[in-house]
PDB file of N, CA and C in Angstrom:
ATOM      1  N   MET A   1       7.341  21.867  32.700  1.00  0.00           N
ATOM      2  CA  MET A   1       6.362  22.936  32.672  1.00  0.00           C
ATOM      3  C   MET A   1       6.125  23.359  31.224  1.00  0.00           C
ATOM      4  N   ARG A   2       4.878  23.454  30.867  1.00  0.00           N
ATOM      5  CA  ARG A   2       4.542  23.828  29.494  1.00  0.00           C
ATOM      6  C   ARG A   2       4.395  25.332  29.374  1.00  0.00           C
ATOM      7  N   HIS A   3       4.793  25.794  28.230  1.00  0.00           N
ATOM      8  CA  HIS A   3       4.623  27.198  27.931  1.00  0.00           C
ATOM      9  C   HIS A   3       3.143  27.438  27.641  1.00  0.00           C
ATOM     10  N   TYR A   4       2.596  28.576  28.007  1.00  0.00           N
ATOM     11  CA  TYR A   4       1.164  28.767  27.834  1.00  0.00           C
ATOM     12  C   TYR A   4       0.773  28.953  26.365  1.00  0.00           C
ATOM     13  N   PHE A   5       1.749  29.194  25.473  1.00  0.00           N
ATOM     14  CA  PHE A   5       1.437  29.259  24.046  1.00  0.00           C
ATOM     15  C   PHE A   5       1.443  27.876  23.394  1.00  0.00           C
ATOM     16  N   TYR A   6       1.923  26.891  24.155  1.00  0.00           N
ATOM     17  CA  TYR A   6       2.026  25.530  23.603  1.00  0.00           C
ATOM     18  C   TYR A   6       0.630  24.971  23.384  1.00  0.00           C
ATOM     19  N   LYS A   7       0.417  24.462  22.200  1.00  0.00           N
ATOM     20  CA  LYS A   7      -0.868  23.877  21.860  1.00  0.00           C
ATOM     21  C   LYS A   7      -0.657  22.398  21.567  1.00  0.00           C
ATOM     22  N   GLU A   8      -1.433  21.566  22.200  1.00  0.00           N
ATOM     23  CA  GLU A   8      -1.290  20.132  21.935  1.00  0.00           C
ATOM     24  C   GLU A   8      -1.870  19.812  20.567  1.00  0.00           C
ATOM     25  N   ARG A   9      -1.147  18.977  19.850  1.00  0.00           N
ATOM     26  CA  ARG A   9      -1.614  18.552  18.526  1.00  0.00           C
ATOM     27  C   ARG A   9      -1.837  17.063  18.533  1.00  0.00           C
ATOM     28  N   ARG A  10      -2.861  16.648  17.843  1.00  0.00           N
ATOM     29  CA  ARG A  10      -3.075  15.221  17.657  1.00  0.00           C
ATOM     30  C   ARG A  10      -2.195  14.762  16.516  1.00  0.00           C
ATOM     31  N   GLN A  11      -1.569  13.631  16.715  1.00  0.00           N
ATOM     32  CA  GLN A  11      -0.744  13.060  15.659  1.00  0.00           C
ATOM     33  C   GLN A  11      -1.638  12.253  14.733  1.00  0.00           C
ATOM     34  N   THR A  12      -1.772  12.681  13.503  1.00  0.00           N
ATOM     35  CA  THR A  12      -2.586  11.968  12.529  1.00  0.00           C
ATOM     36  C   THR A  12      -1.757  11.712  11.288  1.00  0.00           C
ATOM     37  N   LEU A  13      -2.162  10.708  10.542  1.00  0.00           N
ATOM     38  CA  LEU A  13      -1.496  10.413   9.287  1.00  0.00           C
ATOM     39  C   LEU A  13      -1.916  11.425   8.237  1.00  0.00           C
ATOM     40  N   PRO A  14      -1.008  11.775   7.338  1.00  0.00           N
ATOM     41  CA  PRO A  14      -1.435  12.601   6.206  1.00  0.00           C
ATOM     42  C   PRO A  14      -2.500  11.859   5.404  1.00  0.00           C
ATOM     43  N   LYS A  15      -3.347  12.606   4.734  1.00  0.00           N
ATOM     44  CA  LYS A  15      -4.493  12.000   4.055  1.00  0.00           C
ATOM     45  C   LYS A  15      -4.087  10.998   2.984  1.00  0.00           C
ATOM     46  N   GLY A  16      -2.997  11.229   2.292  1.00  0.00           N
ATOM     47  CA  GLY A  16      -2.600  10.338   1.209  1.00  0.00           C
ATOM     48  C   GLY A  16      -1.846   9.112   1.660  1.00  0.00           C
ATOM     49  N   LEU A  17      -1.330   9.122   2.865  1.00  0.00           N
ATOM     50  CA  LEU A  17      -0.497   8.017   3.327  1.00  0.00           C
ATOM     51  C   LEU A  17      -1.238   6.686   3.428  1.00  0.00           C
ATOM     52  N   PRO A  18      -2.458   6.614   3.976  1.00  0.00           N
ATOM     53  CA  PRO A  18      -3.151   5.316   3.997  1.00  0.00           C
ATOM     54  C   PRO A  18      -3.430   4.757   2.604  1.00  0.00           C
ATOM     55  N   VAL A  19      -3.709   5.626   1.658  1.00  0.00           N
ATOM     56  CA  VAL A  19      -3.963   5.176   0.288  1.00  0.00           C
ATOM     57  C   VAL A  19      -2.686   4.600  -0.312  1.00  0.00           C
ATOM     58  N   ILE A  20      -1.590   5.318  -0.150  1.00  0.00           N
ATOM     59  CA  ILE A  20      -0.309   4.857  -0.699  1.00  0.00           C
ATOM     60  C   ILE A  20       0.135   3.572  -0.008  1.00  0.00           C
ATOM     61  N   LEU A  21      -0.062   3.475   1.305  1.00  0.00           N
ATOM     62  CA  LEU A  21       0.314   2.253   2.012  1.00  0.00           C
ATOM     63  C   LEU A  21      -0.534   1.064   1.587  1.00  0.00           C
ATOM     64  N   SER A  22      -1.812   1.300   1.325  1.00  0.00           N
ATOM     65  CA  SER A  22      -2.638   0.178   0.878  1.00  0.00           C
ATOM     66  C   SER A  22      -2.210  -0.310  -0.495  1.00  0.00           C
ATOM     67  N   TRP A  23      -1.819   0.609  -1.372  1.00  0.00           N
ATOM     68  CA  TRP A  23      -1.350   0.205  -2.694  1.00  0.00           C
ATOM     69  C   TRP A  23       0.050  -0.379  -2.635  1.00  0.00           C
ATOM     70  N   THR A  24       0.819  -0.052  -1.606  1.00  0.00           N
ATOM     71  CA  THR A  24       2.187  -0.551  -1.506  1.00  0.00           C
ATOM     72  C   THR A  24       2.266  -1.875  -0.763  1.00  0.00           C
ATOM     73  N   ILE A  25       1.420  -2.085   0.236  1.00  0.00           N
ATOM     74  CA  ILE A  25       1.507  -3.299   1.048  1.00  0.00           C
ATOM     75  C   ILE A  25       0.267  -4.179   0.873  1.00  0.00           C
ATOM     76  N   GLY A  26      -0.906  -3.597   0.936  1.00  0.00           N
ATOM     77  CA  GLY A  26      -2.142  -4.384   0.912  1.00  0.00           C
ATOM     78  C   GLY A  26      -2.414  -5.080  -0.407  1.00  0.00           C
ATOM     79  N   ILE A  27      -2.375  -4.350  -1.488  1.00  0.00           N
ATOM     80  CA  ILE A  27      -2.664  -4.925  -2.806  1.00  0.00           C
ATOM     81  C   ILE A  27      -1.618  -5.964  -3.208  1.00  0.00           C
ATOM     82  N   PRO A  28      -0.302  -5.691  -3.064  1.00  0.00           N
ATOM     83  CA  PRO A  28       0.672  -6.739  -3.385  1.00  0.00           C
ATOM     84  C   PRO A  28       0.520  -7.994  -2.527  1.00  0.00           C
ATOM     85  N   ALA A  29       0.178  -7.828  -1.250  1.00  0.00           N
ATOM     86  CA  ALA A  29      -0.026  -9.007  -0.390  1.00  0.00           C
ATOM     87  C   ALA A  29      -1.228  -9.819  -0.863  1.00  0.00           C
ATOM     88  N   ALA A  30      -2.283  -9.142  -1.302  1.00  0.00           N
ATOM     89  CA  ALA A  30      -3.451  -9.856  -1.830  1.00  0.00           C
ATOM     90  C   ALA A  30      -3.104 -10.578  -3.132  1.00  0.00           C
ATOM     91  N   ILE A  31      -2.307  -9.949  -3.981  1.00  0.00           N
ATOM     92  CA  ILE A  31      -1.899 -10.582  -5.238  1.00  0.00           C
ATOM     93  C   ILE A  31      -1.048 -11.815  -4.954  1.00  0.00           C
ATOM     94  N   ILE A  32      -0.108 -11.701  -4.028  1.00  0.00           N
ATOM     95  CA  ILE A  32       0.766 -12.830  -3.695  1.00  0.00           C
ATOM     96  C   ILE A  32      -0.050 -13.970  -3.084  1.00  0.00           C
ATOM     97  N   THR A  33      -0.981 -13.631  -2.201  1.00  0.00           N
ATOM     98  CA  THR A  33      -1.811 -14.658  -1.573  1.00  0.00           C
ATOM     99  C   THR A  33      -2.639 -15.403  -2.613  1.00  0.00           C
ATOM    100  N   SER A  34      -3.231 -14.662  -3.542  1.00  0.00           N
ATOM    101  CA  SER A  34      -4.015 -15.333  -4.584  1.00  0.00           C
ATOM    102  C   SER A  34      -3.125 -16.155  -5.511  1.00  0.00           C
ATOM    103  N   ARG A  35      -1.943 -15.654  -5.796  1.00  0.00           N
ATOM    104  CA  ARG A  35      -1.011 -16.403  -6.653  1.00  0.00           C
ATOM    105  C   ARG A  35      -0.569 -17.706  -5.979  1.00  0.00           C
ATOM    106  N   ILE A  36      -0.300 -17.660  -4.688  1.00  0.00           N
ATOM    107  CA  ILE A  36       0.079 -18.865  -3.949  1.00  0.00           C
ATOM    108  C   ILE A  36      -1.102 -19.843  -3.919  1.00  0.00           C
ATOM    109  N   GLY A  37      -2.307 -19.323  -3.717  1.00  0.00           N
ATOM    110  CA  GLY A  37      -3.491 -20.175  -3.722  1.00  0.00           C
ATOM    111  C   GLY A  37      -3.711 -20.851  -5.070  1.00  0.00           C
ATOM    112  N   ILE A  38      -3.503 -20.123  -6.150  1.00  0.00           N
ATOM    113  CA  ILE A  38      -3.644 -20.702  -7.490  1.00  0.00           C
ATOM    114  C   ILE A  38      -2.584 -21.771  -7.724  1.00  0.00           C
ATOM    115  N   ASP A  39      -1.334 -21.465  -7.349  1.00  0.00           N
ATOM    116  CA  ASP A  39      -0.257 -22.447  -7.528  1.00  0.00           C
ATOM    117  C   ASP A  39      -0.501 -23.698  -6.688  1.00  0.00           C
ATOM    118  N   TYR A  40      -0.993 -23.520  -5.483  1.00  0.00           N
ATOM    119  CA  TYR A  40      -1.298 -24.664  -4.620  1.00  0.00           C
ATOM    120  C   TYR A  40      -2.449 -25.481  -5.206  1.00  0.00           C
ATOM    121  N   GLY A  41      -3.460 -24.794  -5.719  1.00  0.00           N
ATOM    122  CA  GLY A  41      -4.593 -25.478  -6.320  1.00  0.00           C
ATOM    123  C   GLY A  41      -4.217 -26.263  -7.572  1.00  0.00           C
ATOM    124  N   LEU A  42      -3.230 -25.769  -8.310  1.00  0.00           N
ATOM    125  CA  LEU A  42      -2.780 -26.468  -9.512  1.00  0.00           C
ATOM    126  C   LEU A  42      -1.755 -27.557  -9.204  1.00  0.00           C
ATOM    127  N   GLY A  43      -1.368 -27.670  -7.956  1.00  0.00           N
ATOM    128  CA  GLY A  43      -0.427 -28.708  -7.545  1.00  0.00           C
ATOM    129  C   GLY A  43       1.020 -28.388  -7.842  1.00  0.00           C
ATOM    130  N   ARG A  44       1.328 -27.130  -8.037  1.00  0.00           N
ATOM    131  CA  ARG A  44       2.717 -26.736  -8.301  1.00  0.00           C
ATOM    132  C   ARG A  44       3.500 -26.630  -7.002  1.00  0.00           C
ATOM    133  N   ASP A  45       4.826 -26.702  -7.120  1.00  0.00           N
ATOM    134  CA  ASP A  45       5.707 -26.503  -5.966  1.00  0.00           C
ATOM    135  C   ASP A  45       5.645 -25.044  -5.532  1.00  0.00           C
ATOM    136  N   ILE A  46       5.552 -24.834  -4.233  1.00  0.00           N
ATOM    137  CA  ILE A  46       5.531 -23.469  -3.712  1.00  0.00           C
ATOM    138  C   ILE A  46       6.875 -23.200  -3.065  1.00  0.00           C
ATOM    139  N   GLU A  47       7.650 -22.329  -3.701  1.00  0.00           N
ATOM    140  CA  GLU A  47       8.926 -21.882  -3.147  1.00  0.00           C
ATOM    141  C   GLU A  47       8.776 -20.400  -2.824  1.00  0.00           C
ATOM    142  N   TRP A  48       8.904 -20.081  -1.554  1.00  0.00           N
ATOM    143  CA  TRP A  48       8.646 -18.718  -1.090  1.00  0.00           C
ATOM    144  C   TRP A  48       9.575 -17.701  -1.735  1.00  0.00           C
ATOM    145  N   LEU A  49      10.772 -18.117  -2.038  1.00  0.00           N
ATOM    146  CA  LEU A  49      11.739 -17.186  -2.619  1.00  0.00           C
ATOM    147  C   LEU A  49      11.321 -16.741  -4.025  1.00  0.00           C
ATOM    148  N   SER A  50      10.568 -17.565  -4.720  1.00  0.00           N
ATOM    149  CA  SER A  50      10.153 -17.200  -6.075  1.00  0.00           C
ATOM    150  C   SER A  50       9.063 -16.130  -6.080  1.00  0.00           C
ATOM    151  N   TYR A  51       8.404 -15.905  -4.942  1.00  0.00           N
ATOM    152  CA  TYR A  51       7.350 -14.895  -4.877  1.00  0.00           C
ATOM    153  C   TYR A  51       7.877 -13.528  -4.445  1.00  0.00           C
ATOM    154  N   VAL A  52       9.103 -13.461  -3.984  1.00  0.00           N
ATOM    155  CA  VAL A  52       9.667 -12.190  -3.516  1.00  0.00           C
ATOM    156  C   VAL A  52       9.771 -11.164  -4.654  1.00  0.00           C
ATOM    157  N   PRO A  53      10.293 -11.532  -5.835  1.00  0.00           N
ATOM    158  CA  PRO A  53      10.358 -10.520  -6.907  1.00  0.00           C
ATOM    159  C   PRO A  53       8.976 -10.000  -7.323  1.00  0.00           C
ATOM    160  N   LEU A  54       7.978 -10.863  -7.328  1.00  0.00           N
ATOM    161  CA  LEU A  54       6.624 -10.427  -7.679  1.00  0.00           C
ATOM    162  C   LEU A  54       6.090  -9.450  -6.634  1.00  0.00           C
ATOM    163  N   PHE A  55       6.313  -9.755  -5.362  1.00  0.00           N
ATOM    164  CA  PHE A  55       5.863  -8.855  -4.302  1.00  0.00           C
ATOM    165  C   PHE A  55       6.581  -7.511  -4.384  1.00  0.00           C
ATOM    166  N   LEU A  56       7.907  -7.543  -4.543  1.00  0.00           N
ATOM    167  CA  LEU A  56       8.658  -6.290  -4.596  1.00  0.00           C
ATOM    168  C   LEU A  56       8.306  -5.469  -5.824  1.00  0.00           C
ATOM    169  N   GLY A  57       8.073  -6.137  -6.942  1.00  0.00           N
ATOM    170  CA  GLY A  57       7.693  -5.414  -8.156  1.00  0.00           C
ATOM    171  C   GLY A  57       6.349  -4.744  -8.035  1.00  0.00           C
ATOM    172  N   THR A  58       5.359  -5.457  -7.505  1.00  0.00           N
ATOM    173  CA  THR A  58       4.039  -4.854  -7.348  1.00  0.00           C
ATOM    174  C   THR A  58       4.048  -3.783  -6.255  1.00  0.00           C
ATOM    175  N   ALA A  59       4.870  -3.969  -5.222  1.00  0.00           N
ATOM    176  CA  ALA A  59       4.975  -2.943  -4.177  1.00  0.00           C
ATOM    177  C   ALA A  59       5.616  -1.679  -4.733  1.00  0.00           C
ATOM    178  N   ALA A  60       6.651  -1.826  -5.543  1.00  0.00           N
ATOM    179  CA  ALA A  60       7.293  -0.660  -6.153  1.00  0.00           C
ATOM    180  C   ALA A  60       6.338   0.056  -7.101  1.00  0.00           C
ATOM    181  N   ALA A  61       5.593  -0.716  -7.878  1.00  0.00           N
ATOM    182  CA  ALA A  61       4.614  -0.101  -8.783  1.00  0.00           C
ATOM    183  C   ALA A  61       3.526   0.624  -7.997  1.00  0.00           C
ATOM    184  N   GLY A  62       3.102   0.042  -6.894  1.00  0.00           N
ATOM    185  CA  GLY A  62       2.100   0.702  -6.056  1.00  0.00           C
ATOM    186  C   GLY A  62       2.631   1.963  -5.416  1.00  0.00           C
ATOM    187  N   LEU A  63       3.887   1.936  -5.015  1.00  0.00           N
ATOM    188  CA  LEU A  63       4.494   3.101  -4.374  1.00  0.00           C
ATOM    189  C   LEU A  63       4.727   4.224  -5.367  1.00  0.00           C
ATOM    190  N   VAL A  64       5.180   3.883  -6.559  1.00  0.00           N
ATOM    191  CA  VAL A  64       5.552   4.900  -7.536  1.00  0.00           C
ATOM    192  C   VAL A  64       4.363   5.378  -8.359  1.00  0.00           C
ATOM    193  N   PHE A  65       3.517   4.448  -8.803  1.00  0.00           N
ATOM    194  CA  PHE A  65       2.453   4.821  -9.733  1.00  0.00           C
ATOM    195  C   PHE A  65       1.063   4.843  -9.104  1.00  0.00           C
ATOM    196  N   ALA A  66       0.606   3.714  -8.633  1.00  0.00           N
ATOM    197  CA  ALA A  66      -0.803   3.566  -8.268  1.00  0.00           C
ATOM    198  C   ALA A  66      -1.204   4.411  -7.065  1.00  0.00           C
ATOM    199  N   GLY A  67      -0.413   4.406  -6.007  1.00  0.00           N
ATOM    200  CA  GLY A  67      -0.778   5.154  -4.803  1.00  0.00           C
ATOM    201  C   GLY A  67      -0.905   6.645  -5.036  1.00  0.00           C
ATOM    202  N   PRO A  68       0.143   7.309  -5.541  1.00  0.00           N
ATOM    203  CA  PRO A  68       0.028   8.751  -5.792  1.00  0.00           C
ATOM    204  C   PRO A  68      -1.028   9.100  -6.837  1.00  0.00           C
ATOM    205  N   LEU A  69      -1.173   8.251  -7.855  1.00  0.00           N
ATOM    206  CA  LEU A  69      -2.181   8.513  -8.874  1.00  0.00           C
ATOM    207  C   LEU A  69      -3.581   8.417  -8.293  1.00  0.00           C
ATOM    208  N   HIS A  70      -3.821   7.390  -7.489  1.00  0.00           N
ATOM    209  CA  HIS A  70      -5.124   7.239  -6.842  1.00  0.00           C
ATOM    210  C   HIS A  70      -5.414   8.425  -5.923  1.00  0.00           C
ATOM    211  N   TYR A  71      -4.421   8.854  -5.174  1.00  0.00           N
ATOM    212  CA  TYR A  71      -4.592   9.998  -4.276  1.00  0.00           C
ATOM    213  C   TYR A  71      -4.886  11.269  -5.063  1.00  0.00           C
ATOM    214  N   ALA A  72      -4.177  11.491  -6.171  1.00  0.00           N
ATOM    215  CA  ALA A  72      -4.394  12.698  -6.974  1.00  0.00           C
ATOM    216  C   ALA A  72      -5.788  12.721  -7.577  1.00  0.00           C
ATOM    217  N   VAL A  73      -6.239  11.587  -8.091  1.00  0.00           N
ATOM    218  CA  VAL A  73      -7.579  11.522  -8.675  1.00  0.00           C
ATOM    219  C   VAL A  73      -8.630  11.754  -7.597  1.00  0.00           C
ATOM    220  N   HIS A  74      -8.457  11.131  -6.434  1.00  0.00           N
ATOM    221  CA  HIS A  74      -9.407  11.315  -5.330  1.00  0.00           C
ATOM    222  C   HIS A  74      -9.420  12.776  -4.881  1.00  0.00           C
ATOM    223  N   HIS A  75      -8.254  13.391  -4.815  1.00  0.00           N
ATOM    224  CA  HIS A  75      -8.150  14.784  -4.388  1.00  0.00           C
ATOM    225  C   HIS A  75      -8.818  15.711  -5.411  1.00  0.00           C
ATOM    226  N   LEU A  76      -8.651  15.438  -6.702  1.00  0.00           N
ATOM    227  CA  LEU A  76      -9.285  16.256  -7.732  1.00  0.00           C
ATOM    228  C   LEU A  76     -10.804  16.113  -7.696  1.00  0.00           C
ATOM    229  N   LYS A  77     -11.295  14.895  -7.501  1.00  0.00           N
ATOM    230  CA  LYS A  77     -12.745  14.682  -7.426  1.00  0.00           C
ATOM    231  C   LYS A  77     -13.340  15.373  -6.213  1.00  0.00           C
ATOM    232  N   LYS A  78     -12.577  15.410  -5.126  1.00  0.00           N
ATOM    233  CA  LYS A  78     -13.056  16.025  -3.897  1.00  0.00           C
ATOM    234  C   LYS A  78     -13.171  17.543  -4.061  1.00  0.00           C
ATOM    235  N   ASN A  79     -12.271  18.139  -4.842  1.00  0.00           N
ATOM    236  CA  ASN A  79     -12.270  19.592  -5.026  1.00  0.00           C
ATOM    237  C   ASN A  79     -13.313  20.075  -6.029  1.00  0.00           C
ATOM    238  N   GLU A  80     -13.879  19.182  -6.816  1.00  0.00           N
ATOM    239  CA  GLU A  80     -14.877  19.614  -7.820  1.00  0.00           C
ATOM    240  C   GLU A  80     -16.191  19.959  -7.212  1.00  0.00           C
TER     241      GLU A  80
END
């Protein structure tokens, strides 16, 4: 039984979370995919383990720098 003061809320993502997730997962995945495509096109050996540090480094940079910075700039432009 629900209390009559209970108000249903929609579960939504915070506004900055999709931006940060795209910079943390989407952009590094695109960089890795293009890097693998370039290496394949040049005829180099593709070892999946060698791409892990590049993915983790770009994901960390996206999480720490690019995502929050992009969100802050977007938020400032929106308030002007």
